Amino acid sequence: MIDEEGVKRVEGFLSELEGSRERLLKEGRDVLIYVRRAMMSVHKGDAESAESDIDGARTIIERLRGIAEGEMNRYILPVESEYVEAKLFYELVFEGKLSMYDEIGVDPRSYLLGLLDMIGECRRLIYDMIREGKVDEAERLFKAADEIYSKVMHLSIYERVVPGIRRKTDVAKVVLDDSRRILAELSLKGPRAGDP
């Protein structure tokens, strides 16, 4: 016969696992709130608010990493990639640099997915810059995003170990092609207002 104490131990393990899952999901949503606020702050040019929200997201992720082991890791990777997207977007816009995954302290898969998603945020900012007449800045940001894409596009072959990377690579290409087209159209129109 099955040992009743053994069944209780299994139940305790499963209960603990379920509690960890619930905590990861709840606090993961908190990370996403910080991340979305940080992205909006970057678009508004508010570096201080963006940095504060990115720090808030990082604090939660560091806390969650301790319970996101084994199969629970799948709950933190998507949240971590959102954090990476905000962190790298902030760095690119305000500091003109990009940290690597080990400098940020994230999983390489989260890093890669967040990096590719960041290209979409670059497009939004490029459009805003064009509307504001900051075409030179838009072109610089486009070149940076295009360089990122060219350096990581070949990694889409790792779809089996980085689920979603192929789709994100395809989306990044479309985003960049669209931005390239708009910037090319602007250059064909001739000198910009204020040019000598």
C-alpha atoms as a PDB file:
ATOM      1  CA  MET A   1       0.000   0.000   0.000  1.00  0.00           C
ATOM      2  CA  ILE A   2       1.034   3.581  -0.538  1.00  0.00           C
ATOM      3  CA  ASP A   3       2.484   5.430   2.425  1.00  0.00           C
ATOM      4  CA  GLU A   4       0.148   8.215   3.595  1.00  0.00           C
ATOM      5  CA  GLU A   5       3.081  10.287   4.843  1.00  0.00           C
ATOM      6  CA  GLY A   6       4.690   9.969   1.407  1.00  0.00           C
ATOM      7  CA  VAL A   7       1.498  11.261  -0.256  1.00  0.00           C
ATOM      8  CA  LYS A   8       1.468  14.208   2.157  1.00  0.00           C
ATOM      9  CA  ARG A   9       5.064  15.016   1.189  1.00  0.00           C
ATOM     10  CA  VAL A  10       4.100  14.938  -2.493  1.00  0.00           C
ATOM     11  CA  GLU A  11       1.141  17.201  -1.747  1.00  0.00           C
ATOM     12  CA  GLY A  12       3.417  19.586   0.150  1.00  0.00           C
ATOM     13  CA  PHE A  13       5.824  19.696  -2.783  1.00  0.00           C
ATOM     14  CA  LEU A  14       3.016  20.378  -5.271  1.00  0.00           C
ATOM     15  CA  SER A  15       1.489  23.031  -3.034  1.00  0.00           C
ATOM     16  CA  GLU A  16       4.833  24.785  -2.753  1.00  0.00           C
ATOM     17  CA  LEU A  17       5.315  24.575  -6.513  1.00  0.00           C
ATOM     18  CA  GLU A  18       1.869  26.070  -7.114  1.00  0.00           C
ATOM     19  CA  GLY A  19       2.624  28.869  -4.647  1.00  0.00           C
ATOM     20  CA  SER A  20       5.860  29.659  -6.466  1.00  0.00           C
ATOM     21  CA  ARG A  21       4.035  29.731  -9.786  1.00  0.00           C
ATOM     22  CA  GLU A  22       1.396  32.124  -8.439  1.00  0.00           C
ATOM     23  CA  ARG A  23       4.046  34.403  -6.984  1.00  0.00           C
ATOM     24  CA  LEU A  24       5.980  34.446 -10.261  1.00  0.00           C
ATOM     25  CA  LEU A  25       2.849  35.350 -12.201  1.00  0.00           C
ATOM     26  CA  LYS A  26       1.715  38.070  -9.787  1.00  0.00           C
ATOM     27  CA  GLU A  27       5.088  39.714  -9.342  1.00  0.00           C
ATOM     28  CA  GLY A  28       5.792  39.270 -13.055  1.00  0.00           C
ATOM     29  CA  ARG A  29       2.808  41.534 -13.705  1.00  0.00           C
ATOM     30  CA  ASP A  30       4.351  44.077 -11.332  1.00  0.00           C
ATOM     31  CA  VAL A  31       7.554  43.974 -13.387  1.00  0.00           C
ATOM     32  CA  LEU A  32       5.543  44.651 -16.545  1.00  0.00           C
ATOM     33  CA  ILE A  33       3.978  47.741 -14.954  1.00  0.00           C
ATOM     34  CA  TYR A  34       7.441  49.117 -14.173  1.00  0.00           C
ATOM     35  CA  VAL A  35       8.677  48.238 -17.668  1.00  0.00           C
ATOM     36  CA  ARG A  36       5.789  49.932 -19.471  1.00  0.00           C
ATOM     37  CA  ARG A  37       6.193  53.081 -17.412  1.00  0.00           C
ATOM     38  CA  ALA A  38       9.935  53.072 -18.130  1.00  0.00           C
ATOM     39  CA  MET A  39       9.334  52.769 -21.875  1.00  0.00           C
ATOM     40  CA  MET A  40       6.906  55.688 -21.851  1.00  0.00           C
ATOM     41  CA  SER A  41       9.437  57.755 -19.912  1.00  0.00           C
ATOM     42  CA  VAL A  42      12.156  56.993 -22.465  1.00  0.00           C
ATOM     43  CA  HIS A  43       9.839  58.097 -25.268  1.00  0.00           C
ATOM     44  CA  LYS A  44       9.145  61.325 -23.362  1.00  0.00           C
ATOM     45  CA  GLY A  45      12.856  61.916 -22.774  1.00  0.00           C
ATOM     46  CA  ASP A  46      12.513  61.529 -18.993  1.00  0.00           C
ATOM     47  CA  ALA A  47      15.671  59.593 -18.127  1.00  0.00           C
ATOM     48  CA  GLU A  48      15.245  59.925 -14.359  1.00  0.00           C
ATOM     49  CA  SER A  49      11.763  58.375 -14.251  1.00  0.00           C
ATOM     50  CA  ALA A  50      12.773  55.663 -16.718  1.00  0.00           C
ATOM     51  CA  GLU A  51      15.807  54.717 -14.650  1.00  0.00           C
ATOM     52  CA  SER A  52      13.749  54.575 -11.471  1.00  0.00           C
ATOM     53  CA  ASP A  53      11.192  52.225 -13.028  1.00  0.00           C
ATOM     54  CA  ILE A  54      13.899  50.041 -14.561  1.00  0.00           C
ATOM     55  CA  ASP A  55      15.491  49.750 -11.117  1.00  0.00           C
ATOM     56  CA  GLY A  56      12.100  48.774  -9.654  1.00  0.00           C
ATOM     57  CA  ALA A  57      11.689  46.035 -12.256  1.00  0.00           C
ATOM     58  CA  ARG A  58      15.230  44.775 -11.658  1.00  0.00           C
ATOM     59  CA  THR A  59      14.651  44.523  -7.910  1.00  0.00           C
ATOM     60  CA  ILE A  60      11.607  42.293  -8.394  1.00  0.00           C
ATOM     61  CA  ILE A  61      13.332  40.126 -11.008  1.00  0.00           C
ATOM     62  CA  GLU A  62      16.313  39.556  -8.713  1.00  0.00           C
ATOM     63  CA  ARG A  63      13.932  38.455  -5.964  1.00  0.00           C
ATOM     64  CA  LEU A  64      12.028  36.132  -8.289  1.00  0.00           C
ATOM     65  CA  ARG A  65      15.124  34.493  -9.707  1.00  0.00           C
ATOM     66  CA  GLY A  66      15.531  32.631  -6.421  1.00  0.00           C
ATOM     67  CA  ILE A  67      12.225  30.808  -6.902  1.00  0.00           C
ATOM     68  CA  ALA A  68      12.366  30.490 -10.713  1.00  0.00           C
ATOM     69  CA  GLU A  69      14.396  27.300 -10.841  1.00  0.00           C
ATOM     70  CA  GLY A  70      13.867  24.276 -13.022  1.00  0.00           C
ATOM     71  CA  GLU A  71      10.543  24.273 -14.817  1.00  0.00           C
ATOM     72  CA  MET A  72       9.557  27.495 -13.037  1.00  0.00           C
ATOM     73  CA  ASN A  73      12.167  29.290 -15.117  1.00  0.00           C
ATOM     74  CA  ARG A  74       9.690  29.451 -18.000  1.00  0.00           C
ATOM     75  CA  TYR A  75       7.615  31.943 -16.014  1.00  0.00           C
ATOM     76  CA  ILE A  76      10.441  34.411 -15.524  1.00  0.00           C
ATOM     77  CA  LEU A  77      12.004  34.367 -19.023  1.00  0.00           C
ATOM     78  CA  PRO A  78       9.216  36.386 -20.728  1.00  0.00           C
ATOM     79  CA  VAL A  79       9.154  38.923 -17.899  1.00  0.00           C
ATOM     80  CA  GLU A  80      12.931  39.153 -17.918  1.00  0.00           C
ATOM     81  CA  SER A  81      12.940  39.784 -21.680  1.00  0.00           C
ATOM     82  CA  GLU A  82      10.542  42.710 -21.162  1.00  0.00           C
ATOM     83  CA  TYR A  83      12.931  44.102 -18.560  1.00  0.00           C
ATOM     84  CA  VAL A  84      15.831  43.682 -20.996  1.00  0.00           C
ATOM     85  CA  GLU A  85      13.884  45.547 -23.670  1.00  0.00           C
ATOM     86  CA  ALA A  86      13.329  48.535 -21.361  1.00  0.00           C
ATOM     87  CA  LYS A  87      16.872  48.486 -19.969  1.00  0.00           C
ATOM     88  CA  LEU A  88      18.517  48.358 -23.397  1.00  0.00           C
ATOM     89  CA  PHE A  89      16.149  50.936 -24.877  1.00  0.00           C
ATOM     90  CA  TYR A  90      17.074  53.289 -22.031  1.00  0.00           C
ATOM     91  CA  GLU A  91      20.790  52.654 -22.561  1.00  0.00           C
ATOM     92  CA  LEU A  92      20.640  53.113 -26.317  1.00  0.00           C
ATOM     93  CA  VAL A  93      18.649  56.357 -26.171  1.00  0.00           C
ATOM     94  CA  PHE A  94      20.273  58.049 -23.183  1.00  0.00           C
ATOM     95  CA  GLU A  95      23.753  56.523 -23.062  1.00  0.00           C
ATOM     96  CA  GLY A  96      24.433  55.415 -26.653  1.00  0.00           C
ATOM     97  CA  LYS A  97      25.519  51.950 -25.527  1.00  0.00           C
ATOM     98  CA  LEU A  98      24.159  48.467 -24.909  1.00  0.00           C
ATOM     99  CA  SER A  99      25.161  46.203 -22.045  1.00  0.00           C
ATOM    100  CA  MET A 100      25.539  42.470 -22.619  1.00  0.00           C
ATOM    101  CA  TYR A 101      23.401  39.875 -20.849  1.00  0.00           C
ATOM    102  CA  ASP A 102      26.044  39.062 -18.237  1.00  0.00           C
ATOM    103  CA  GLU A 103      26.446  42.736 -17.327  1.00  0.00           C
ATOM    104  CA  ILE A 104      22.692  43.034 -16.775  1.00  0.00           C
ATOM    105  CA  GLY A 105      22.555  39.653 -15.032  1.00  0.00           C
ATOM    106  CA  VAL A 106      19.897  37.988 -17.185  1.00  0.00           C
ATOM    107  CA  ASP A 107      19.497  34.743 -19.101  1.00  0.00           C
ATOM    108  CA  PRO A 108      21.003  34.974 -22.624  1.00  0.00           C
ATOM    109  CA  ARG A 109      17.638  33.906 -24.091  1.00  0.00           C
ATOM    110  CA  SER A 110      15.803  36.734 -22.334  1.00  0.00           C
ATOM    111  CA  TYR A 111      18.507  39.099 -23.491  1.00  0.00           C
ATOM    112  CA  LEU A 112      18.157  38.134 -27.121  1.00  0.00           C
ATOM    113  CA  LEU A 113      14.347  38.323 -27.130  1.00  0.00           C
ATOM    114  CA  GLY A 114      14.370  41.691 -25.357  1.00  0.00           C
ATOM    115  CA  LEU A 115      17.007  43.036 -27.736  1.00  0.00           C
ATOM    116  CA  LEU A 116      14.879  42.126 -30.754  1.00  0.00           C
ATOM    117  CA  ASP A 117      11.734  43.623 -29.190  1.00  0.00           C
ATOM    118  CA  MET A 118      13.625  46.843 -28.534  1.00  0.00           C
ATOM    119  CA  ILE A 119      13.851  47.414 -32.293  1.00  0.00           C
ATOM    120  CA  GLY A 120      10.089  48.035 -32.327  1.00  0.00           C
ATOM    121  CA  GLU A 121      10.473  50.697 -29.643  1.00  0.00           C
ATOM    122  CA  CYS A 122      13.223  52.270 -31.741  1.00  0.00           C
ATOM    123  CA  ARG A 123      10.813  52.539 -34.659  1.00  0.00           C
ATOM    124  CA  ARG A 124       8.249  54.366 -32.518  1.00  0.00           C
ATOM    125  CA  LEU A 125      10.907  56.800 -31.352  1.00  0.00           C
ATOM    126  CA  ILE A 126      12.201  57.240 -34.913  1.00  0.00           C
ATOM    127  CA  TYR A 127       8.693  58.259 -36.009  1.00  0.00           C
ATOM    128  CA  ASP A 128       8.420  60.704 -33.100  1.00  0.00           C
ATOM    129  CA  MET A 129      11.809  62.197 -33.970  1.00  0.00           C
ATOM    130  CA  ILE A 130      10.790  62.634 -37.597  1.00  0.00           C
ATOM    131  CA  ARG A 131       7.568  64.394 -36.566  1.00  0.00           C
ATOM    132  CA  GLU A 132       9.615  66.714 -34.360  1.00  0.00           C
ATOM    133  CA  GLY A 133      12.010  67.477 -37.220  1.00  0.00           C
ATOM    134  CA  LYS A 134      14.915  65.581 -35.625  1.00  0.00           C
ATOM    135  CA  VAL A 135      15.683  63.582 -38.752  1.00  0.00           C
ATOM    136  CA  ASP A 136      19.422  63.309 -38.093  1.00  0.00           C
ATOM    137  CA  GLU A 137      18.727  61.813 -34.657  1.00  0.00           C
ATOM    138  CA  ALA A 138      16.171  59.448 -36.215  1.00  0.00           C
ATOM    139  CA  GLU A 139      18.750  58.297 -38.751  1.00  0.00           C
ATOM    140  CA  ARG A 140      21.329  57.661 -36.019  1.00  0.00           C
ATOM    141  CA  LEU A 141      18.828  55.606 -34.034  1.00  0.00           C
ATOM    142  CA  PHE A 142      17.852  53.682 -37.173  1.00  0.00           C
ATOM    143  CA  LYS A 143      21.491  52.855 -37.916  1.00  0.00           C
ATOM    144  CA  ALA A 144      21.967  51.552 -34.370  1.00  0.00           C
ATOM    145  CA  ALA A 145      18.823  49.367 -34.590  1.00  0.00           C
ATOM    146  CA  ASP A 146      19.823  48.095 -38.030  1.00  0.00           C
ATOM    147  CA  GLU A 147      23.286  47.178 -36.752  1.00  0.00           C
ATOM    148  CA  ILE A 148      21.770  45.268 -33.826  1.00  0.00           C
ATOM    149  CA  TYR A 149      19.552  43.318 -36.202  1.00  0.00           C
ATOM    150  CA  SER A 150      22.404  42.495 -38.578  1.00  0.00           C
ATOM    151  CA  LYS A 151      24.477  41.102 -35.712  1.00  0.00           C
ATOM    152  CA  VAL A 152      21.788  38.828 -34.230  1.00  0.00           C
ATOM    153  CA  MET A 153      19.541  37.828 -37.153  1.00  0.00           C
ATOM    154  CA  HIS A 154      21.438  34.583 -37.768  1.00  0.00           C
ATOM    155  CA  LEU A 155      20.554  33.407 -34.244  1.00  0.00           C
ATOM    156  CA  SER A 156      16.968  32.757 -35.343  1.00  0.00           C
ATOM    157  CA  ILE A 157      18.078  29.200 -36.156  1.00  0.00           C
ATOM    158  CA  TYR A 158      17.901  28.490 -32.406  1.00  0.00           C
ATOM    159  CA  GLU A 159      14.084  28.558 -32.312  1.00  0.00           C
ATOM    160  CA  ARG A 160      13.965  25.245 -30.438  1.00  0.00           C
ATOM    161  CA  VAL A 161      15.940  26.571 -27.474  1.00  0.00           C
ATOM    162  CA  VAL A 162      14.735  30.181 -27.718  1.00  0.00           C
ATOM    163  CA  PRO A 163      11.026  29.860 -28.544  1.00  0.00           C
ATOM    164  CA  GLY A 164       9.741  32.905 -30.391  1.00  0.00           C
ATOM    165  CA  ILE A 165      13.086  34.097 -31.720  1.00  0.00           C
ATOM    166  CA  ARG A 166      12.246  33.425 -35.368  1.00  0.00           C
ATOM    167  CA  ARG A 167       9.019  35.440 -35.171  1.00  0.00           C
ATOM    168  CA  LYS A 168      10.735  38.288 -33.328  1.00  0.00           C
ATOM    169  CA  THR A 169      13.528  38.325 -35.917  1.00  0.00           C
ATOM    170  CA  ASP A 170      10.962  38.484 -38.724  1.00  0.00           C
ATOM    171  CA  VAL A 171       9.065  41.303 -36.997  1.00  0.00           C
ATOM    172  CA  ALA A 172      12.300  43.241 -36.436  1.00  0.00           C
ATOM    173  CA  LYS A 173      13.084  42.976 -40.151  1.00  0.00           C
ATOM    174  CA  VAL A 174       9.663  44.344 -41.114  1.00  0.00           C
ATOM    175  CA  VAL A 175      10.022  47.174 -38.578  1.00  0.00           C
ATOM    176  CA  LEU A 176      13.449  48.108 -39.922  1.00  0.00           C
ATOM    177  CA  ASP A 177      12.351  47.909 -43.559  1.00  0.00           C
ATOM    178  CA  ASP A 178       9.446  50.241 -42.772  1.00  0.00           C
ATOM    179  CA  SER A 179      11.733  52.718 -40.980  1.00  0.00           C
ATOM    180  CA  ARG A 180      14.254  52.531 -43.823  1.00  0.00           C
ATOM    181  CA  ARG A 181      11.519  53.310 -46.357  1.00  0.00           C
ATOM    182  CA  ILE A 182      10.306  56.355 -44.447  1.00  0.00           C
ATOM    183  CA  LEU A 183      13.813  57.729 -43.974  1.00  0.00           C
ATOM    184  CA  ALA A 184      14.574  57.134 -47.662  1.00  0.00           C
ATOM    185  CA  GLU A 185      11.424  59.010 -48.679  1.00  0.00           C
ATOM    186  CA  LEU A 186      12.486  61.929 -46.507  1.00  0.00           C
ATOM    187  CA  SER A 187      15.933  62.044 -48.086  1.00  0.00           C
ATOM    188  CA  LEU A 188      14.372  62.064 -51.581  1.00  0.00           C
ATOM    189  CA  LYS A 189      12.297  65.127 -50.684  1.00  0.00           C
ATOM    190  CA  GLY A 190      15.467  67.189 -50.492  1.00  0.00           C
ATOM    191  CA  PRO A 191      16.887  69.477 -47.806  1.00  0.00           C
ATOM    192  CA  ARG A 192      15.078  69.658 -44.503  1.00  0.00           C
ATOM    193  CA  ALA A 193      13.663  72.847 -43.061  1.00  0.00           C
ATOM    194  CA  GLY A 194      16.429  74.848 -41.434  1.00  0.00           C
ATOM    195  CA  ASP A 195      19.160  73.362 -43.653  1.00  0.00           C
ATOM    196  CA  PRO A 196      21.469  75.964 -45.274  1.00  0.00           C
END
